């Protein structure tokens, strides 16, 4: 058996009537555990090696609690002790290696690793995850398999109750699983589990952050950060702006926004931006957009496709007010976010 694993999570799961996992909540997932913790896990459960998901009973948790205490991992030992009182299945998910997930328990552990900032977007393998997740109603009574929802609603009505459905999706909102330190979120429903919000980030009410995407530091988000998009420190995404992610037409190209960038209101990008770049309000740049590159005298030097400028720093993208042509020139002033406004 390997003496090292990628990650593990001890938590509580929810299953449908068929015994399929709808979701698993891992309060304190661990990445690259120390040898003593690893030995406690492997020596006191039925773990046999590789990537494996186990359901633990009270005797398992008792042994695990004592072994983790002896290993010096007080946090996980206390969690194991508390979970003995759970009326829901207690799950131990062990990922010996960072390979494609094999079941929903794997997926939920990886998504929570990202939202806990233990790995950055694109820092763990999520290949094939959509095919593993069940479409779920996220309700006032917790997650319910959407195929079982009508029956549950009828039973609730018969008891004089109602079940409020907040969304029907394969993903829940992040804050029901993880609330990162030092962030502000205007509308929690617009941040999906698996989002990465750097400390100091503010997401306004119309902002949106998808899974496997997000910010790496202090940023203002009033626009859309699509799946796979990573935004650098000190950048500002204006109201209604959009970043083209891997699920919205970007294919396998990773769209990154560098540090201290500004994407204006209702603008959008289908290319990456380096540091200190500005895209003026209302301008949407796709990889195939024709861009006139200007010199310091505002004379056209050459015309290129926007993809040729992807990832370059210190650029200002704008539209010519007379012709409407997209132009690019050196960006001489970087933005500075209001320190008081972004003190979270």
C-alpha atoms as a PDB file:
ATOM      1  CA  UNK A   1       0.000   0.000   0.000  1.00  0.00           C
ATOM      2  CA  UNK A   2       1.276   3.497  -0.850  1.00  0.00           C
ATOM      3  CA  UNK A   3       2.708   5.507   2.056  1.00  0.00           C
ATOM      4  CA  UNK A   4       1.357   8.726   0.576  1.00  0.00           C
ATOM      5  CA  UNK A   5      -2.051   9.878  -0.638  1.00  0.00           C
ATOM      6  CA  UNK A   6      -3.274  12.974  -2.439  1.00  0.00           C
ATOM      7  CA  UNK A   7      -6.257  13.821  -0.251  1.00  0.00           C
ATOM      8  CA  UNK A   8      -8.932  12.503   2.054  1.00  0.00           C
ATOM      9  CA  UNK A   9     -12.204  13.778   3.447  1.00  0.00           C
ATOM     10  CA  UNK A  10     -14.280  12.634   6.388  1.00  0.00           C
ATOM     11  CA  UNK A  11     -17.872  13.773   6.198  1.00  0.00           C
ATOM     12  CA  UNK A  12     -21.608  13.203   5.851  1.00  0.00           C
ATOM     13  CA  UNK A  13     -23.352  12.044   2.674  1.00  0.00           C
ATOM     14  CA  UNK A  14     -26.878  12.078   1.284  1.00  0.00           C
ATOM     15  CA  UNK A  15     -28.199   9.225  -0.845  1.00  0.00           C
ATOM     16  CA  UNK A  16     -31.317   8.710  -2.949  1.00  0.00           C
ATOM     17  CA  UNK A  17     -33.650   5.729  -2.592  1.00  0.00           C
ATOM     18  CA  UNK A  18     -31.370   3.679  -4.848  1.00  0.00           C
ATOM     19  CA  UNK A  19     -28.392   4.287  -2.602  1.00  0.00           C
ATOM     20  CA  UNK A  20     -26.676   6.638  -5.059  1.00  0.00           C
ATOM     21  CA  UNK A  21     -24.778   9.585  -3.643  1.00  0.00           C
ATOM     22  CA  UNK A  22     -26.410  12.971  -4.182  1.00  0.00           C
ATOM     23  CA  UNK A  23     -23.721  14.915  -2.315  1.00  0.00           C
ATOM     24  CA  UNK A  24     -21.116  14.608   0.430  1.00  0.00           C
ATOM     25  CA  UNK A  25     -20.174  17.366   2.877  1.00  0.00           C
ATOM     26  CA  UNK A  26     -16.548  17.325   4.070  1.00  0.00           C
ATOM     27  CA  UNK A  27     -16.119  19.941   6.847  1.00  0.00           C
ATOM     28  CA  UNK A  28     -12.304  19.838   6.890  1.00  0.00           C
ATOM     29  CA  UNK A  29     -10.830  18.015   3.884  1.00  0.00           C
ATOM     30  CA  UNK A  30      -7.110  17.295   3.979  1.00  0.00           C
ATOM     31  CA  UNK A  31      -4.524  17.426   1.219  1.00  0.00           C
ATOM     32  CA  UNK A  32      -1.193  15.560   1.377  1.00  0.00           C
ATOM     33  CA  UNK A  33      -1.724  14.222   4.914  1.00  0.00           C
ATOM     34  CA  UNK A  34       1.202  13.462   7.190  1.00  0.00           C
ATOM     35  CA  UNK A  35       2.338   9.860   7.556  1.00  0.00           C
ATOM     36  CA  UNK A  36       0.918   9.508  11.086  1.00  0.00           C
ATOM     37  CA  UNK A  37      -2.557  10.592   9.936  1.00  0.00           C
ATOM     38  CA  UNK A  38      -2.345   8.312   6.929  1.00  0.00           C
ATOM     39  CA  UNK A  39      -1.415   5.338   9.104  1.00  0.00           C
ATOM     40  CA  UNK A  40      -4.354   6.075  11.401  1.00  0.00           C
ATOM     41  CA  UNK A  41      -6.726   6.047   8.422  1.00  0.00           C
ATOM     42  CA  UNK A  42      -5.413   2.911   6.758  1.00  0.00           C
ATOM     43  CA  UNK A  43      -4.915   0.938   9.959  1.00  0.00           C
ATOM     44  CA  UNK A  44      -8.306   1.571  11.539  1.00  0.00           C
ATOM     45  CA  UNK A  45     -10.757   1.355   8.636  1.00  0.00           C
ATOM     46  CA  UNK A  46     -11.437  -1.108   5.839  1.00  0.00           C
ATOM     47  CA  UNK A  47      -9.431   0.970   3.372  1.00  0.00           C
ATOM     48  CA  UNK A  48      -7.615  -1.415   0.991  1.00  0.00           C
ATOM     49  CA  UNK A  49      -5.747   1.046  -1.210  1.00  0.00           C
ATOM     50  CA  UNK A  50      -6.172   3.292  -4.215  1.00  0.00           C
ATOM     51  CA  UNK A  51      -9.033   5.744  -4.569  1.00  0.00           C
ATOM     52  CA  UNK A  52     -11.804   4.432  -2.356  1.00  0.00           C
ATOM     53  CA  UNK A  53     -15.020   5.599  -0.684  1.00  0.00           C
ATOM     54  CA  UNK A  54     -16.039   3.927   2.577  1.00  0.00           C
ATOM     55  CA  UNK A  55     -19.105   4.153   4.813  1.00  0.00           C
ATOM     56  CA  UNK A  56     -18.036   4.110   8.452  1.00  0.00           C
ATOM     57  CA  UNK A  57     -20.004   2.806  11.421  1.00  0.00           C
ATOM     58  CA  UNK A  58     -19.696   3.774  15.084  1.00  0.00           C
ATOM     59  CA  UNK A  59     -16.986   1.225  15.839  1.00  0.00           C
ATOM     60  CA  UNK A  60     -14.949   2.471  12.858  1.00  0.00           C
ATOM     61  CA  UNK A  61     -15.270   6.032  14.135  1.00  0.00           C
ATOM     62  CA  UNK A  62     -14.273   5.031  17.671  1.00  0.00           C
ATOM     63  CA  UNK A  63     -11.094   3.372  16.412  1.00  0.00           C
ATOM     64  CA  UNK A  64     -10.385   6.259  14.065  1.00  0.00           C
ATOM     65  CA  UNK A  65     -10.915   8.818  16.817  1.00  0.00           C
ATOM     66  CA  UNK A  66      -8.390   7.148  19.125  1.00  0.00           C
ATOM     67  CA  UNK A  67      -5.871   6.566  16.334  1.00  0.00           C
ATOM     68  CA  UNK A  68      -6.044  10.167  15.124  1.00  0.00           C
ATOM     69  CA  UNK A  69      -5.594  11.429  18.684  1.00  0.00           C
ATOM     70  CA  UNK A  70      -2.496   9.274  19.022  1.00  0.00           C
ATOM     71  CA  UNK A  71      -1.268  10.590  15.643  1.00  0.00           C
ATOM     72  CA  UNK A  72      -1.641  14.145  16.937  1.00  0.00           C
ATOM     73  CA  UNK A  73      -4.345  15.180  14.457  1.00  0.00           C
ATOM     74  CA  UNK A  74      -6.743  16.747  16.955  1.00  0.00           C
ATOM     75  CA  UNK A  75      -9.006  18.360  14.338  1.00  0.00           C
ATOM     76  CA  UNK A  76      -9.751  15.127  12.496  1.00  0.00           C
ATOM     77  CA  UNK A  77      -9.997  13.162  15.758  1.00  0.00           C
ATOM     78  CA  UNK A  78     -12.663  15.531  17.079  1.00  0.00           C
ATOM     79  CA  UNK A  79     -14.530  15.340  13.767  1.00  0.00           C
ATOM     80  CA  UNK A  80     -14.545  11.531  13.892  1.00  0.00           C
ATOM     81  CA  UNK A  81     -15.950  11.680  17.427  1.00  0.00           C
ATOM     82  CA  UNK A  82     -18.689  14.158  16.505  1.00  0.00           C
ATOM     83  CA  UNK A  83     -19.770  12.154  13.473  1.00  0.00           C
ATOM     84  CA  UNK A  84     -20.736   9.206  15.683  1.00  0.00           C
ATOM     85  CA  UNK A  85     -23.991  11.071  16.355  1.00  0.00           C
ATOM     86  CA  UNK A  86     -24.868  11.437  12.653  1.00  0.00           C
ATOM     87  CA  UNK A  87     -28.144   9.952  11.436  1.00  0.00           C
ATOM     88  CA  UNK A  88     -26.867  10.225   7.858  1.00  0.00           C
ATOM     89  CA  UNK A  89     -24.160   7.984   6.330  1.00  0.00           C
ATOM     90  CA  UNK A  90     -20.646   8.877   7.461  1.00  0.00           C
ATOM     91  CA  UNK A  91     -18.242   8.830   4.543  1.00  0.00           C
ATOM     92  CA  UNK A  92     -14.482   8.489   4.312  1.00  0.00           C
ATOM     93  CA  UNK A  93     -13.228   9.310   0.814  1.00  0.00           C
ATOM     94  CA  UNK A  94      -9.552   8.557   0.207  1.00  0.00           C
ATOM     95  CA  UNK A  95      -7.841   9.688  -2.997  1.00  0.00           C
ATOM     96  CA  UNK A  96      -4.510   7.925  -3.268  1.00  0.00           C
ATOM     97  CA  UNK A  97      -3.824   9.767  -6.498  1.00  0.00           C
ATOM     98  CA  UNK A  98      -5.233  12.769  -8.302  1.00  0.00           C
ATOM     99  CA  UNK A  99      -6.918  10.891 -11.131  1.00  0.00           C
ATOM    100  CA  UNK A 100     -10.325  11.370 -12.765  1.00  0.00           C
ATOM    101  CA  UNK A 101     -13.118  10.982 -10.177  1.00  0.00           C
ATOM    102  CA  UNK A 102     -14.932   7.649 -10.115  1.00  0.00           C
ATOM    103  CA  UNK A 103     -18.056   8.584  -8.136  1.00  0.00           C
ATOM    104  CA  UNK A 104     -19.897  11.611  -6.698  1.00  0.00           C
ATOM    105  CA  UNK A 105     -18.022  11.337  -3.380  1.00  0.00           C
ATOM    106  CA  UNK A 106     -14.751  11.871  -5.285  1.00  0.00           C
ATOM    107  CA  UNK A 107     -16.226  14.832  -7.175  1.00  0.00           C
ATOM    108  CA  UNK A 108     -17.499  16.535  -4.027  1.00  0.00           C
ATOM    109  CA  UNK A 109     -14.156  16.125  -2.283  1.00  0.00           C
ATOM    110  CA  UNK A 110     -12.327  17.714  -5.204  1.00  0.00           C
ATOM    111  CA  UNK A 111     -14.792  20.597  -5.502  1.00  0.00           C
ATOM    112  CA  UNK A 112     -14.459  21.328  -1.801  1.00  0.00           C
ATOM    113  CA  UNK A 113     -10.659  21.220  -2.018  1.00  0.00           C
ATOM    114  CA  UNK A 114     -10.916  24.082  -4.513  1.00  0.00           C
ATOM    115  CA  UNK A 115     -13.403  26.116  -2.484  1.00  0.00           C
ATOM    116  CA  UNK A 116     -11.336  25.594   0.680  1.00  0.00           C
ATOM    117  CA  UNK A 117      -8.352  27.024  -1.295  1.00  0.00           C
ATOM    118  CA  UNK A 118      -6.387  23.819  -0.765  1.00  0.00           C
ATOM    119  CA  UNK A 119      -5.901  23.598  -4.528  1.00  0.00           C
ATOM    120  CA  UNK A 120      -6.311  26.292  -7.167  1.00  0.00           C
ATOM    121  CA  UNK A 121      -8.593  25.995 -10.209  1.00  0.00           C
ATOM    122  CA  UNK A 122      -7.149  23.430 -12.634  1.00  0.00           C
ATOM    123  CA  UNK A 123      -5.166  22.023  -9.708  1.00  0.00           C
ATOM    124  CA  UNK A 124      -7.084  18.740  -9.576  1.00  0.00           C
ATOM    125  CA  UNK A 125      -8.432  16.326 -12.205  1.00  0.00           C
ATOM    126  CA  UNK A 126     -12.195  16.745 -12.715  1.00  0.00           C
ATOM    127  CA  UNK A 127     -12.445  14.789 -15.978  1.00  0.00           C
ATOM    128  CA  UNK A 128     -15.850  13.200 -16.569  1.00  0.00           C
ATOM    129  CA  UNK A 129     -17.405  14.664 -13.442  1.00  0.00           C
ATOM    130  CA  UNK A 130     -20.733  15.660 -15.028  1.00  0.00           C
ATOM    131  CA  UNK A 131     -21.579  12.094 -15.911  1.00  0.00           C
ATOM    132  CA  UNK A 132     -21.173  11.089 -12.264  1.00  0.00           C
ATOM    133  CA  UNK A 133     -23.498  13.668 -10.702  1.00  0.00           C
ATOM    134  CA  UNK A 134     -27.255  13.268 -10.307  1.00  0.00           C
ATOM    135  CA  UNK A 135     -29.602  16.150 -11.116  1.00  0.00           C
ATOM    136  CA  UNK A 136     -30.660  17.296  -7.679  1.00  0.00           C
ATOM    137  CA  UNK A 137     -33.280  19.574  -6.172  1.00  0.00           C
ATOM    138  CA  UNK A 138     -31.631  21.751  -3.516  1.00  0.00           C
ATOM    139  CA  UNK A 139     -34.434  22.401  -1.070  1.00  0.00           C
ATOM    140  CA  UNK A 140     -35.386  23.557   2.426  1.00  0.00           C
ATOM    141  CA  UNK A 141     -35.246  19.867   3.387  1.00  0.00           C
ATOM    142  CA  UNK A 142     -31.834  19.331   1.885  1.00  0.00           C
ATOM    143  CA  UNK A 143     -30.855  17.679  -1.409  1.00  0.00           C
ATOM    144  CA  UNK A 144     -33.486  15.502  -3.073  1.00  0.00           C
ATOM    145  CA  UNK A 145     -33.091  13.438  -6.233  1.00  0.00           C
ATOM    146  CA  UNK A 146     -35.247  15.354  -8.728  1.00  0.00           C
ATOM    147  CA  UNK A 147     -36.917  12.062  -9.708  1.00  0.00           C
ATOM    148  CA  UNK A 148     -38.113  11.713  -6.108  1.00  0.00           C
ATOM    149  CA  UNK A 149     -39.119  15.340  -5.613  1.00  0.00           C
ATOM    150  CA  UNK A 150     -42.821  15.123  -6.546  1.00  0.00           C
ATOM    151  CA  UNK A 151     -43.434  12.310  -4.066  1.00  0.00           C
ATOM    152  CA  UNK A 152     -41.566  14.172  -1.302  1.00  0.00           C
ATOM    153  CA  UNK A 153     -43.555  17.332  -2.022  1.00  0.00           C
ATOM    154  CA  UNK A 154     -46.842  15.430  -1.805  1.00  0.00           C
ATOM    155  CA  UNK A 155     -45.860  13.823   1.504  1.00  0.00           C
ATOM    156  CA  UNK A 156     -44.875  17.222   2.892  1.00  0.00           C
ATOM    157  CA  UNK A 157     -48.212  18.746   1.856  1.00  0.00           C
ATOM    158  CA  UNK A 158     -50.064  15.887   3.506  1.00  0.00           C
ATOM    159  CA  UNK A 159     -48.248  16.789   6.732  1.00  0.00           C
ATOM    160  CA  UNK A 160     -49.205  20.444   6.351  1.00  0.00           C
ATOM    161  CA  UNK A 161     -45.728  21.499   5.216  1.00  0.00           C
ATOM    162  CA  UNK A 162     -44.155  22.736   2.021  1.00  0.00           C
ATOM    163  CA  UNK A 163     -40.745  22.037   0.533  1.00  0.00           C
ATOM    164  CA  UNK A 164     -39.134  25.133  -0.914  1.00  0.00           C
ATOM    165  CA  UNK A 165     -36.966  24.402  -3.955  1.00  0.00           C
ATOM    166  CA  UNK A 166     -34.058  26.813  -4.306  1.00  0.00           C
ATOM    167  CA  UNK A 167     -32.570  25.310  -7.470  1.00  0.00           C
ATOM    168  CA  UNK A 168     -32.448  22.179  -9.616  1.00  0.00           C
ATOM    169  CA  UNK A 169     -28.868  21.533 -10.623  1.00  0.00           C
ATOM    170  CA  UNK A 170     -26.012  19.061 -10.413  1.00  0.00           C
ATOM    171  CA  UNK A 171     -24.140  21.634  -8.314  1.00  0.00           C
ATOM    172  CA  UNK A 172     -25.124  23.295  -5.034  1.00  0.00           C
ATOM    173  CA  UNK A 173     -24.138  26.784  -4.014  1.00  0.00           C
ATOM    174  CA  UNK A 174     -20.715  27.022  -2.438  1.00  0.00           C
ATOM    175  CA  UNK A 175     -21.656  28.627   0.894  1.00  0.00           C
ATOM    176  CA  UNK A 176     -23.749  25.622   1.960  1.00  0.00           C
ATOM    177  CA  UNK A 177     -20.467  23.699   2.021  1.00  0.00           C
ATOM    178  CA  UNK A 178     -17.644  26.245   2.337  1.00  0.00           C
ATOM    179  CA  UNK A 179     -17.473  29.892   3.435  1.00  0.00           C
ATOM    180  CA  UNK A 180     -13.900  31.049   2.762  1.00  0.00           C
ATOM    181  CA  UNK A 181     -12.374  33.631   5.073  1.00  0.00           C
ATOM    182  CA  UNK A 182     -12.109  37.270   4.065  1.00  0.00           C
ATOM    183  CA  UNK A 183     -14.716  37.426   1.285  1.00  0.00           C
ATOM    184  CA  UNK A 184     -18.015  39.221   0.695  1.00  0.00           C
ATOM    185  CA  UNK A 185     -20.768  37.676  -1.422  1.00  0.00           C
ATOM    186  CA  UNK A 186     -23.852  39.656  -2.427  1.00  0.00           C
ATOM    187  CA  UNK A 187     -25.941  36.718  -3.645  1.00  0.00           C
ATOM    188  CA  UNK A 188     -24.764  33.306  -2.422  1.00  0.00           C
ATOM    189  CA  UNK A 189     -26.811  31.454  -5.044  1.00  0.00           C
ATOM    190  CA  UNK A 190     -24.511  32.825  -7.755  1.00  0.00           C
ATOM    191  CA  UNK A 191     -21.372  31.108  -6.457  1.00  0.00           C
ATOM    192  CA  UNK A 192     -21.262  27.393  -7.282  1.00  0.00           C
ATOM    193  CA  UNK A 193     -19.421  24.801  -5.229  1.00  0.00           C
ATOM    194  CA  UNK A 194     -15.935  24.427  -6.668  1.00  0.00           C
ATOM    195  CA  UNK A 195     -15.438  28.175  -7.019  1.00  0.00           C
ATOM    196  CA  UNK A 196     -12.168  29.566  -5.675  1.00  0.00           C
ATOM    197  CA  UNK A 197     -12.484  32.988  -4.025  1.00  0.00           C
ATOM    198  CA  UNK A 198      -9.190  34.546  -2.969  1.00  0.00           C
ATOM    199  CA  UNK A 199      -9.052  36.398   0.328  1.00  0.00           C
ATOM    200  CA  UNK A 200     -10.187  39.980  -0.166  1.00  0.00           C
ATOM    201  CA  UNK A 201     -12.551  39.172  -3.035  1.00  0.00           C
ATOM    202  CA  UNK A 202     -15.948  40.887  -3.204  1.00  0.00           C
ATOM    203  CA  UNK A 203     -18.660  39.383  -5.415  1.00  0.00           C
ATOM    204  CA  UNK A 204     -21.513  41.827  -5.918  1.00  0.00           C
ATOM    205  CA  UNK A 205     -25.137  40.756  -6.333  1.00  0.00           C
ATOM    206  CA  UNK A 206     -24.925  40.347 -10.118  1.00  0.00           C
ATOM    207  CA  UNK A 207     -21.510  38.683 -10.015  1.00  0.00           C
ATOM    208  CA  UNK A 208     -21.233  34.971 -10.823  1.00  0.00           C
ATOM    209  CA  UNK A 209     -18.443  32.455 -10.249  1.00  0.00           C
ATOM    210  CA  UNK A 210     -18.593  28.953 -11.707  1.00  0.00           C
ATOM    211  CA  UNK A 211     -16.797  25.805 -10.527  1.00  0.00           C
ATOM    212  CA  UNK A 212     -13.069  25.268 -11.167  1.00  0.00           C
ATOM    213  CA  UNK A 213     -12.760  29.036 -11.592  1.00  0.00           C
ATOM    214  CA  UNK A 214     -12.431  32.182  -9.552  1.00  0.00           C
ATOM    215  CA  UNK A 215     -10.029  34.705  -8.102  1.00  0.00           C
ATOM    216  CA  UNK A 216      -6.548  34.340  -6.646  1.00  0.00           C
ATOM    217  CA  UNK A 217      -6.515  37.478  -4.497  1.00  0.00           C
ATOM    218  CA  UNK A 218      -8.280  40.769  -3.864  1.00  0.00           C
ATOM    219  CA  UNK A 219     -10.737  41.390  -6.701  1.00  0.00           C
ATOM    220  CA  UNK A 220     -14.074  43.055  -7.397  1.00  0.00           C
ATOM    221  CA  UNK A 221     -16.479  40.791  -9.307  1.00  0.00           C
ATOM    222  CA  UNK A 222     -19.596  42.372 -10.757  1.00  0.00           C
ATOM    223  CA  UNK A 223     -19.552  40.255 -13.910  1.00  0.00           C
ATOM    224  CA  UNK A 224     -19.327  36.595 -14.844  1.00  0.00           C
ATOM    225  CA  UNK A 225     -16.383  34.297 -14.177  1.00  0.00           C
ATOM    226  CA  UNK A 226     -17.188  31.250 -16.280  1.00  0.00           C
ATOM    227  CA  UNK A 227     -16.007  27.682 -15.724  1.00  0.00           C
ATOM    228  CA  UNK A 228     -12.247  27.384 -15.871  1.00  0.00           C
ATOM    229  CA  UNK A 229     -11.508  31.128 -15.803  1.00  0.00           C
ATOM    230  CA  UNK A 230      -8.908  32.337 -13.293  1.00  0.00           C
ATOM    231  CA  UNK A 231      -8.650  36.020 -12.292  1.00  0.00           C
ATOM    232  CA  UNK A 232      -5.464  37.480 -10.821  1.00  0.00           C
ATOM    233  CA  UNK A 233      -4.972  39.707  -7.808  1.00  0.00           C
ATOM    234  CA  UNK A 234      -6.335  43.262  -7.867  1.00  0.00           C
ATOM    235  CA  UNK A 235      -8.504  42.879 -10.961  1.00  0.00           C
ATOM    236  CA  UNK A 236     -11.963  44.373 -11.457  1.00  0.00           C
ATOM    237  CA  UNK A 237     -14.734  42.740 -13.500  1.00  0.00           C
ATOM    238  CA  UNK A 238     -17.337  45.411 -14.253  1.00  0.00           C
ATOM    239  CA  UNK A 239     -21.094  44.979 -14.128  1.00  0.00           C
ATOM    240  CA  UNK A 240     -22.496  42.649 -16.781  1.00  0.00           C
ATOM    241  CA  UNK A 241     -19.103  41.694 -18.196  1.00  0.00           C
ATOM    242  CA  UNK A 242     -18.379  38.137 -19.279  1.00  0.00           C
ATOM    243  CA  UNK A 243     -15.410  35.805 -19.516  1.00  0.00           C
ATOM    244  CA  UNK A 244     -15.695  32.943 -21.981  1.00  0.00           C
ATOM    245  CA  UNK A 245     -15.040  29.696 -20.122  1.00  0.00           C
ATOM    246  CA  UNK A 246     -14.453  26.117 -21.170  1.00  0.00           C
ATOM    247  CA  UNK A 247     -18.223  25.454 -21.091  1.00  0.00           C
ATOM    248  CA  UNK A 248     -19.311  28.618 -22.901  1.00  0.00           C
ATOM    249  CA  UNK A 249     -17.472  28.411 -26.192  1.00  0.00           C
ATOM    250  CA  UNK A 250     -13.891  28.535 -25.056  1.00  0.00           C
ATOM    251  CA  UNK A 251     -13.306  24.843 -25.687  1.00  0.00           C
ATOM    252  CA  UNK A 252     -10.231  23.558 -23.902  1.00  0.00           C
ATOM    253  CA  UNK A 253      -8.515  26.967 -23.908  1.00  0.00           C
ATOM    254  CA  UNK A 254      -8.049  28.287 -20.387  1.00  0.00           C
ATOM    255  CA  UNK A 255      -8.964  31.966 -20.209  1.00  0.00           C
ATOM    256  CA  UNK A 256      -6.905  33.727 -17.558  1.00  0.00           C
ATOM    257  CA  UNK A 257      -7.073  37.345 -16.407  1.00  0.00           C
ATOM    258  CA  UNK A 258      -3.854  38.701 -14.952  1.00  0.00           C
ATOM    259  CA  UNK A 259      -3.226  41.048 -12.038  1.00  0.00           C
ATOM    260  CA  UNK A 260      -4.630  44.604 -11.909  1.00  0.00           C
ATOM    261  CA  UNK A 261      -6.844  44.243 -14.986  1.00  0.00           C
ATOM    262  CA  UNK A 262     -10.122  46.002 -15.695  1.00  0.00           C
ATOM    263  CA  UNK A 263     -12.883  44.498 -17.816  1.00  0.00           C
ATOM    264  CA  UNK A 264     -15.436  47.264 -18.265  1.00  0.00           C
ATOM    265  CA  UNK A 265     -19.183  47.004 -17.803  1.00  0.00           C
ATOM    266  CA  UNK A 266     -20.876  44.782 -20.407  1.00  0.00           C
ATOM    267  CA  UNK A 267     -17.521  43.918 -21.988  1.00  0.00           C
ATOM    268  CA  UNK A 268     -16.287  40.385 -22.573  1.00  0.00           C
ATOM    269  CA  UNK A 269     -13.215  38.354 -23.422  1.00  0.00           C
ATOM    270  CA  UNK A 270     -12.577  35.129 -25.284  1.00  0.00           C
ATOM    271  CA  UNK A 271      -8.822  35.528 -24.948  1.00  0.00           C
ATOM    272  CA  UNK A 272      -6.508  35.651 -21.960  1.00  0.00           C
ATOM    273  CA  UNK A 273      -5.257  38.920 -20.509  1.00  0.00           C
ATOM    274  CA  UNK A 274      -1.827  39.485 -19.040  1.00  0.00           C
ATOM    275  CA  UNK A 275      -1.238  41.908 -16.182  1.00  0.00           C
ATOM    276  CA  UNK A 276      -2.499  45.527 -16.156  1.00  0.00           C
ATOM    277  CA  UNK A 277      -4.816  45.174 -19.152  1.00  0.00           C
ATOM    278  CA  UNK A 278      -8.034  47.117 -19.767  1.00  0.00           C
ATOM    279  CA  UNK A 279     -10.998  46.251 -21.966  1.00  0.00           C
ATOM    280  CA  UNK A 280     -13.325  49.204 -22.432  1.00  0.00           C
ATOM    281  CA  UNK A 281     -16.999  48.995 -21.556  1.00  0.00           C
ATOM    282  CA  UNK A 282     -19.208  47.223 -24.073  1.00  0.00           C
ATOM    283  CA  UNK A 283     -16.354  45.688 -26.074  1.00  0.00           C
ATOM    284  CA  UNK A 284     -16.449  41.905 -26.568  1.00  0.00           C
ATOM    285  CA  UNK A 285     -13.225  40.401 -27.885  1.00  0.00           C
ATOM    286  CA  UNK A 286     -13.204  36.872 -29.284  1.00  0.00           C
ATOM    287  CA  UNK A 287     -10.142  34.946 -30.439  1.00  0.00           C
ATOM    288  CA  UNK A 288     -10.911  35.715 -34.084  1.00  0.00           C
ATOM    289  CA  UNK A 289     -11.610  39.435 -33.658  1.00  0.00           C
ATOM    290  CA  UNK A 290      -9.491  41.662 -35.922  1.00  0.00           C
ATOM    291  CA  UNK A 291      -7.491  44.113 -33.823  1.00  0.00           C
ATOM    292  CA  UNK A 292      -5.577  47.136 -35.097  1.00  0.00           C
ATOM    293  CA  UNK A 293      -2.371  47.537 -33.079  1.00  0.00           C
ATOM    294  CA  UNK A 294      -1.508  51.203 -32.570  1.00  0.00           C
ATOM    295  CA  UNK A 295       1.797  52.924 -31.828  1.00  0.00           C
ATOM    296  CA  UNK A 296       2.252  55.779 -29.350  1.00  0.00           C
ATOM    297  CA  UNK A 297       1.006  58.221 -32.012  1.00  0.00           C
ATOM    298  CA  UNK A 298      -2.201  56.201 -32.491  1.00  0.00           C
ATOM    299  CA  UNK A 299      -1.050  55.082 -35.936  1.00  0.00           C
ATOM    300  CA  UNK A 300      -1.899  51.538 -37.072  1.00  0.00           C
ATOM    301  CA  UNK A 301       1.215  49.359 -37.024  1.00  0.00           C
ATOM    302  CA  UNK A 302      -0.434  46.063 -37.977  1.00  0.00           C
ATOM    303  CA  UNK A 303      -3.749  44.223 -37.850  1.00  0.00           C
ATOM    304  CA  UNK A 304      -3.829  40.872 -36.058  1.00  0.00           C
ATOM    305  CA  UNK A 305      -6.343  38.427 -34.682  1.00  0.00           C
ATOM    306  CA  UNK A 306      -6.999  38.891 -30.991  1.00  0.00           C
ATOM    307  CA  UNK A 307      -5.656  35.425 -30.193  1.00  0.00           C
ATOM    308  CA  UNK A 308      -2.193  36.694 -31.164  1.00  0.00           C
ATOM    309  CA  UNK A 309      -2.362  39.152 -28.255  1.00  0.00           C
ATOM    310  CA  UNK A 310      -3.701  36.642 -25.733  1.00  0.00           C
ATOM    311  CA  UNK A 311      -1.868  36.709 -22.417  1.00  0.00           C
ATOM    312  CA  UNK A 312       0.193  39.807 -23.157  1.00  0.00           C
ATOM    313  CA  UNK A 313       0.472  42.488 -20.477  1.00  0.00           C
ATOM    314  CA  UNK A 314      -0.067  46.261 -20.430  1.00  0.00           C
ATOM    315  CA  UNK A 315      -2.643  46.433 -23.212  1.00  0.00           C
ATOM    316  CA  UNK A 316      -5.694  48.662 -23.660  1.00  0.00           C
ATOM    317  CA  UNK A 317      -8.466  47.323 -25.906  1.00  0.00           C
ATOM    318  CA  UNK A 318     -10.987  49.851 -27.220  1.00  0.00           C
ATOM    319  CA  UNK A 319     -13.261  50.627 -30.161  1.00  0.00           C
ATOM    320  CA  UNK A 320     -12.494  53.459 -32.536  1.00  0.00           C
ATOM    321  CA  UNK A 321     -15.241  56.003 -31.916  1.00  0.00           C
ATOM    322  CA  UNK A 322     -15.499  56.819 -35.636  1.00  0.00           C
ATOM    323  CA  UNK A 323     -15.082  53.474 -37.402  1.00  0.00           C
ATOM    324  CA  UNK A 324     -15.988  50.995 -34.684  1.00  0.00           C
ATOM    325  CA  UNK A 325     -12.804  49.038 -35.364  1.00  0.00           C
ATOM    326  CA  UNK A 326     -11.192  47.260 -32.402  1.00  0.00           C
ATOM    327  CA  UNK A 327      -7.887  48.860 -31.459  1.00  0.00           C
ATOM    328  CA  UNK A 328      -5.118  47.953 -29.061  1.00  0.00           C
ATOM    329  CA  UNK A 329      -2.421  50.139 -27.604  1.00  0.00           C
ATOM    330  CA  UNK A 330      -0.109  50.192 -24.617  1.00  0.00           C
ATOM    331  CA  UNK A 331      -1.968  50.595 -21.314  1.00  0.00           C
ATOM    332  CA  UNK A 332      -0.103  53.282 -19.403  1.00  0.00           C
ATOM    333  CA  UNK A 333      -2.104  53.195 -16.159  1.00  0.00           C
ATOM    334  CA  UNK A 334      -2.899  50.195 -14.011  1.00  0.00           C
ATOM    335  CA  UNK A 335      -6.077  50.186 -11.925  1.00  0.00           C
ATOM    336  CA  UNK A 336      -6.021  50.417  -8.145  1.00  0.00           C
ATOM    337  CA  UNK A 337      -8.878  48.948  -6.125  1.00  0.00           C
ATOM    338  CA  UNK A 338     -10.265  50.978  -3.237  1.00  0.00           C
ATOM    339  CA  UNK A 339      -8.563  49.496  -0.148  1.00  0.00           C
ATOM    340  CA  UNK A 340     -11.364  50.448   2.255  1.00  0.00           C
ATOM    341  CA  UNK A 341     -14.051  49.091  -0.050  1.00  0.00           C
ATOM    342  CA  UNK A 342     -12.307  45.739  -0.317  1.00  0.00           C
ATOM    343  CA  UNK A 343     -11.450  45.274   3.340  1.00  0.00           C
ATOM    344  CA  UNK A 344     -13.223  41.996   4.124  1.00  0.00           C
END
